[in-house]
N, C-alpha and C. Protein backbone atom coordinates (compact mmCIF):
# COMPACT_ATOMS: atom_id res chain seq x y z
N UNK A 1 -4.18 -1.60 -17.27
CA UNK A 1 -3.84 -1.45 -15.88
C UNK A 1 -4.43 -0.14 -15.37
N UNK A 2 -4.81 -0.14 -14.11
CA UNK A 2 -5.31 1.07 -13.46
C UNK A 2 -4.33 1.46 -12.36
N UNK A 3 -4.25 2.77 -12.11
CA UNK A 3 -3.28 3.30 -11.17
C UNK A 3 -3.96 4.25 -10.19
N UNK A 4 -3.39 4.32 -8.98
CA UNK A 4 -3.84 5.31 -8.02
C UNK A 4 -2.66 5.70 -7.15
N UNK A 5 -2.67 6.95 -6.69
CA UNK A 5 -1.58 7.48 -5.87
C UNK A 5 -2.16 8.25 -4.69
N UNK A 6 -1.47 8.17 -3.56
CA UNK A 6 -1.82 8.99 -2.40
C UNK A 6 -0.54 9.31 -1.64
N UNK A 7 -0.46 10.52 -1.10
CA UNK A 7 0.57 10.84 -0.11
C UNK A 7 -0.16 10.94 1.22
N UNK A 8 0.16 10.04 2.12
CA UNK A 8 -0.47 9.98 3.43
C UNK A 8 0.36 10.87 4.37
N UNK A 9 -0.22 11.97 4.87
CA UNK A 9 0.54 12.85 5.74
C UNK A 9 0.84 12.17 7.09
N UNK A 10 2.12 12.06 7.42
CA UNK A 10 2.55 11.52 8.70
C UNK A 10 4.03 11.82 8.89
N UNK A 11 4.43 12.00 10.13
CA UNK A 11 5.84 12.20 10.45
C UNK A 11 6.56 10.86 10.63
N UNK A 12 5.82 9.75 10.51
CA UNK A 12 6.37 8.42 10.77
C UNK A 12 6.34 7.53 9.53
N UNK A 13 6.53 8.13 8.36
CA UNK A 13 6.40 7.40 7.10
C UNK A 13 7.33 6.20 7.02
N UNK A 14 8.58 6.36 7.38
CA UNK A 14 9.53 5.26 7.29
C UNK A 14 9.13 4.11 8.20
N UNK A 15 8.72 4.42 9.40
CA UNK A 15 8.30 3.38 10.35
C UNK A 15 7.11 2.60 9.80
N UNK A 16 6.11 3.30 9.29
CA UNK A 16 4.91 2.62 8.78
C UNK A 16 5.22 1.81 7.53
N UNK A 17 6.08 2.34 6.67
CA UNK A 17 6.50 1.61 5.47
C UNK A 17 7.13 0.28 5.87
N UNK A 18 8.05 0.32 6.82
CA UNK A 18 8.74 -0.90 7.25
C UNK A 18 7.79 -1.88 7.94
N UNK A 19 6.88 -1.38 8.77
CA UNK A 19 5.92 -2.25 9.43
C UNK A 19 5.02 -2.94 8.42
N UNK A 20 4.52 -2.17 7.47
CA UNK A 20 3.63 -2.72 6.45
C UNK A 20 4.35 -3.78 5.63
N UNK A 21 5.55 -3.48 5.19
CA UNK A 21 6.30 -4.43 4.37
C UNK A 21 6.66 -5.69 5.15
N UNK A 22 7.08 -5.55 6.40
CA UNK A 22 7.39 -6.73 7.22
C UNK A 22 6.14 -7.59 7.42
N UNK A 23 5.01 -6.93 7.67
CA UNK A 23 3.75 -7.65 7.87
C UNK A 23 3.38 -8.46 6.64
N UNK A 24 3.46 -7.85 5.47
CA UNK A 24 3.06 -8.53 4.25
C UNK A 24 4.12 -9.48 3.71
N UNK A 25 5.35 -9.38 4.21
CA UNK A 25 6.41 -10.26 3.71
C UNK A 25 6.20 -11.71 4.10
N UNK A 26 5.31 -11.97 5.04
CA UNK A 26 5.01 -13.35 5.44
C UNK A 26 4.22 -14.10 4.36
N UNK A 27 3.46 -13.36 3.54
CA UNK A 27 2.59 -14.00 2.55
C UNK A 27 2.84 -13.54 1.12
N UNK A 28 3.52 -12.42 0.95
CA UNK A 28 3.64 -11.81 -0.37
C UNK A 28 5.10 -11.55 -0.73
N UNK A 29 5.35 -11.29 -2.01
CA UNK A 29 6.69 -10.91 -2.46
C UNK A 29 6.90 -9.44 -2.11
N UNK A 30 7.91 -9.18 -1.25
CA UNK A 30 8.15 -7.84 -0.73
C UNK A 30 9.64 -7.54 -0.75
N UNK A 31 9.98 -6.30 -1.11
CA UNK A 31 11.34 -5.81 -0.93
C UNK A 31 11.24 -4.40 -0.37
N UNK A 32 12.16 -4.05 0.56
CA UNK A 32 12.07 -2.72 1.17
C UNK A 32 13.35 -2.37 1.92
N UNK A 33 13.49 -1.07 2.16
CA UNK A 33 14.47 -0.54 3.08
C UNK A 33 13.77 0.59 3.84
N UNK A 34 14.53 1.48 4.48
CA UNK A 34 13.89 2.53 5.29
C UNK A 34 13.13 3.56 4.47
N UNK A 35 13.48 3.73 3.21
CA UNK A 35 12.91 4.79 2.39
C UNK A 35 11.92 4.33 1.33
N UNK A 36 12.01 3.08 0.89
CA UNK A 36 11.13 2.63 -0.20
C UNK A 36 10.81 1.15 -0.06
N UNK A 37 9.70 0.78 -0.67
CA UNK A 37 9.31 -0.63 -0.64
C UNK A 37 8.42 -0.97 -1.82
N UNK A 38 8.37 -2.27 -2.13
CA UNK A 38 7.51 -2.78 -3.19
C UNK A 38 6.84 -4.05 -2.69
N UNK A 39 5.53 -4.13 -2.89
CA UNK A 39 4.75 -5.31 -2.51
C UNK A 39 4.00 -5.79 -3.75
N UNK A 40 4.10 -7.08 -4.05
CA UNK A 40 3.37 -7.66 -5.17
C UNK A 40 2.25 -8.53 -4.64
N UNK A 41 1.04 -8.22 -5.07
CA UNK A 41 -0.15 -8.98 -4.70
C UNK A 41 -0.47 -9.93 -5.86
N UNK A 42 -0.42 -11.23 -5.63
CA UNK A 42 -0.71 -12.16 -6.73
C UNK A 42 -2.17 -12.05 -7.16
N UNK A 43 -2.39 -12.39 -8.41
CA UNK A 43 -3.73 -12.27 -8.98
C UNK A 43 -4.76 -13.12 -8.26
N UNK A 44 -4.33 -14.15 -7.57
CA UNK A 44 -5.27 -15.04 -6.86
C UNK A 44 -5.20 -14.85 -5.34
N UNK A 45 -4.74 -13.69 -4.88
CA UNK A 45 -4.64 -13.43 -3.44
C UNK A 45 -6.00 -13.52 -2.77
N UNK A 46 -6.03 -14.21 -1.65
CA UNK A 46 -7.25 -14.34 -0.83
C UNK A 46 -8.44 -14.87 -1.62
N UNK A 47 -8.19 -15.76 -2.53
CA UNK A 47 -9.27 -16.38 -3.28
C UNK A 47 -9.80 -15.57 -4.45
N UNK A 48 -9.25 -14.38 -4.65
CA UNK A 48 -9.68 -13.55 -5.79
C UNK A 48 -9.19 -14.17 -7.08
N UNK A 49 -9.76 -13.74 -8.17
CA UNK A 49 -9.30 -14.20 -9.48
C UNK A 49 -9.19 -12.99 -10.40
N UNK A 50 -8.20 -12.13 -10.10
CA UNK A 50 -7.98 -10.94 -10.89
C UNK A 50 -7.23 -11.31 -12.16
N UNK A 51 -7.30 -10.48 -13.19
CA UNK A 51 -6.61 -10.79 -14.45
C UNK A 51 -5.08 -10.85 -14.33
N UNK A 52 -4.50 -10.09 -13.38
CA UNK A 52 -3.04 -10.07 -13.26
C UNK A 52 -2.64 -9.64 -11.85
N UNK A 53 -1.35 -9.77 -11.56
CA UNK A 53 -0.82 -9.32 -10.27
C UNK A 53 -0.99 -7.81 -10.14
N UNK A 54 -0.95 -7.33 -8.90
CA UNK A 54 -0.97 -5.89 -8.62
C UNK A 54 0.29 -5.54 -7.85
N UNK A 55 0.68 -4.27 -7.92
CA UNK A 55 1.90 -3.83 -7.27
C UNK A 55 1.65 -2.56 -6.46
N UNK A 56 2.19 -2.54 -5.25
CA UNK A 56 2.19 -1.36 -4.39
C UNK A 56 3.63 -0.90 -4.25
N UNK A 57 3.87 0.37 -4.57
CA UNK A 57 5.19 0.96 -4.38
C UNK A 57 5.06 2.04 -3.31
N UNK A 58 5.96 2.00 -2.35
CA UNK A 58 5.94 2.93 -1.22
C UNK A 58 7.21 3.76 -1.21
N UNK A 59 7.07 5.03 -0.82
CA UNK A 59 8.23 5.92 -0.72
C UNK A 59 8.02 6.80 0.51
N UNK A 60 8.95 6.75 1.46
CA UNK A 60 8.85 7.57 2.67
C UNK A 60 9.51 8.93 2.45
N UNK A 61 8.81 9.98 2.87
CA UNK A 61 9.30 11.35 2.81
C UNK A 61 9.09 11.98 4.18
N UNK A 62 9.70 13.12 4.41
CA UNK A 62 9.49 13.82 5.68
C UNK A 62 8.04 14.25 5.84
N UNK A 63 7.37 14.57 4.73
CA UNK A 63 5.98 15.03 4.79
C UNK A 63 4.96 13.91 4.83
N UNK A 64 5.36 12.69 4.48
CA UNK A 64 4.39 11.61 4.47
C UNK A 64 4.86 10.40 3.70
N UNK A 65 3.95 9.48 3.51
CA UNK A 65 4.22 8.22 2.83
C UNK A 65 3.49 8.19 1.49
N UNK A 66 4.25 8.11 0.40
CA UNK A 66 3.65 7.97 -0.93
C UNK A 66 3.32 6.51 -1.17
N UNK A 67 2.10 6.26 -1.64
CA UNK A 67 1.64 4.92 -1.99
C UNK A 67 1.17 4.95 -3.43
N UNK A 68 1.77 4.16 -4.28
CA UNK A 68 1.38 4.05 -5.69
C UNK A 68 0.91 2.62 -5.94
N UNK A 69 -0.33 2.48 -6.34
CA UNK A 69 -0.91 1.18 -6.64
C UNK A 69 -1.10 1.03 -8.14
N UNK A 70 -0.76 -0.14 -8.65
CA UNK A 70 -1.02 -0.49 -10.05
C UNK A 70 -1.76 -1.83 -10.02
N UNK A 71 -2.95 -1.86 -10.58
CA UNK A 71 -3.79 -3.05 -10.53
C UNK A 71 -4.31 -3.39 -11.92
N UNK A 72 -4.84 -4.59 -12.07
CA UNK A 72 -5.31 -5.05 -13.37
C UNK A 72 -6.75 -4.67 -13.66
N UNK A 73 -7.49 -4.23 -12.64
CA UNK A 73 -8.89 -3.86 -12.84
C UNK A 73 -9.30 -2.84 -11.79
N UNK A 74 -10.41 -2.17 -12.04
CA UNK A 74 -10.92 -1.19 -11.08
C UNK A 74 -11.29 -1.86 -9.76
N UNK A 75 -11.87 -3.05 -9.84
CA UNK A 75 -12.25 -3.76 -8.62
C UNK A 75 -11.05 -4.14 -7.77
N UNK A 76 -9.99 -4.61 -8.42
CA UNK A 76 -8.77 -4.96 -7.70
C UNK A 76 -8.16 -3.71 -7.08
N UNK A 77 -8.14 -2.61 -7.82
CA UNK A 77 -7.59 -1.36 -7.32
C UNK A 77 -8.34 -0.89 -6.07
N UNK A 78 -9.65 -0.90 -6.11
CA UNK A 78 -10.46 -0.46 -4.97
C UNK A 78 -10.23 -1.36 -3.76
N UNK A 79 -10.17 -2.66 -3.98
CA UNK A 79 -9.94 -3.60 -2.87
C UNK A 79 -8.59 -3.34 -2.22
N UNK A 80 -7.58 -3.10 -3.03
CA UNK A 80 -6.23 -2.88 -2.49
C UNK A 80 -6.10 -1.52 -1.82
N UNK A 81 -6.77 -0.50 -2.32
CA UNK A 81 -6.76 0.80 -1.64
C UNK A 81 -7.32 0.63 -0.22
N UNK A 82 -8.38 -0.12 -0.09
CA UNK A 82 -8.96 -0.37 1.23
C UNK A 82 -8.03 -1.16 2.13
N UNK A 83 -7.37 -2.17 1.58
CA UNK A 83 -6.44 -2.99 2.37
C UNK A 83 -5.26 -2.16 2.85
N UNK A 84 -4.70 -1.33 1.99
CA UNK A 84 -3.57 -0.48 2.37
C UNK A 84 -4.00 0.48 3.48
N UNK A 85 -5.12 1.13 3.32
CA UNK A 85 -5.60 2.09 4.32
C UNK A 85 -5.86 1.41 5.67
N UNK A 86 -6.53 0.27 5.65
CA UNK A 86 -6.82 -0.44 6.92
C UNK A 86 -5.54 -0.84 7.64
N UNK A 87 -4.59 -1.37 6.90
CA UNK A 87 -3.34 -1.82 7.53
C UNK A 87 -2.54 -0.63 8.06
N UNK A 88 -2.41 0.42 7.28
CA UNK A 88 -1.66 1.58 7.77
C UNK A 88 -2.33 2.21 8.98
N UNK A 89 -3.65 2.28 8.99
CA UNK A 89 -4.35 2.82 10.16
C UNK A 89 -4.10 1.97 11.40
N UNK A 90 -4.01 0.66 11.23
CA UNK A 90 -3.69 -0.22 12.37
C UNK A 90 -2.30 0.08 12.93
N UNK A 91 -1.33 0.26 12.03
CA UNK A 91 0.03 0.53 12.49
C UNK A 91 0.15 1.94 13.06
N UNK A 92 -0.67 2.85 12.60
CA UNK A 92 -0.64 4.25 13.04
C UNK A 92 -1.75 4.54 14.04
N UNK A 93 -2.08 3.58 14.89
CA UNK A 93 -3.25 3.71 15.75
C UNK A 93 -3.22 4.98 16.62
N UNK A 94 -2.04 5.49 16.96
CA UNK A 94 -1.96 6.70 17.78
C UNK A 94 -2.38 7.96 17.01
N UNK A 95 -2.25 7.94 15.69
CA UNK A 95 -2.65 9.10 14.90
C UNK A 95 -3.76 8.79 13.89
N UNK A 96 -4.30 7.58 13.95
CA UNK A 96 -5.36 7.18 13.03
C UNK A 96 -6.66 7.90 13.39
N UNK A 97 -7.53 8.08 12.41
CA UNK A 97 -7.37 7.61 11.05
C UNK A 97 -6.49 8.57 10.24
N UNK A 98 -5.64 7.99 9.43
CA UNK A 98 -4.79 8.76 8.54
C UNK A 98 -5.64 9.27 7.37
N UNK A 99 -5.16 10.32 6.72
CA UNK A 99 -5.89 10.89 5.58
C UNK A 99 -5.46 10.19 4.29
N UNK A 100 -6.42 9.60 3.59
CA UNK A 100 -6.18 8.94 2.31
C UNK A 100 -7.01 9.63 1.24
N UNK A 101 -6.34 10.43 0.41
CA UNK A 101 -7.00 11.13 -0.68
C UNK A 101 -6.44 10.54 -1.98
N UNK A 102 -6.89 9.32 -2.31
CA UNK A 102 -6.38 8.61 -3.48
C UNK A 102 -6.70 9.38 -4.75
N UNK A 103 -5.76 9.41 -5.66
CA UNK A 103 -5.91 10.04 -6.98
C UNK A 103 -5.75 8.96 -8.03
N UNK A 104 -6.85 8.57 -8.66
CA UNK A 104 -6.80 7.56 -9.71
C UNK A 104 -6.27 8.19 -10.99
N UNK A 105 -5.53 7.37 -11.75
CA UNK A 105 -4.96 7.85 -13.02
C UNK A 105 -5.47 7.02 -14.16
């Protein structure tokens, strides 16, 4: 498994966390509250054929939104980092583009 983490600086972390989770709850397995959320991306999402499911864990803080991605391959990880950034920028259109300094582990 490959991992990546980013803290996205924003004063609206809880709002964006909830918007993102509500948006993806229509198609994906999602659980969330005001402070934390988990999104599971199936291995065959959008026609992909990744080796395993991927997971996004979100945590809202006063300083920003923590995003932790765990994926089955580097390609899946990169695709999901882009999807998370695009969606959050859409929800944060008044302050976009947000800063995404992903740290791979």
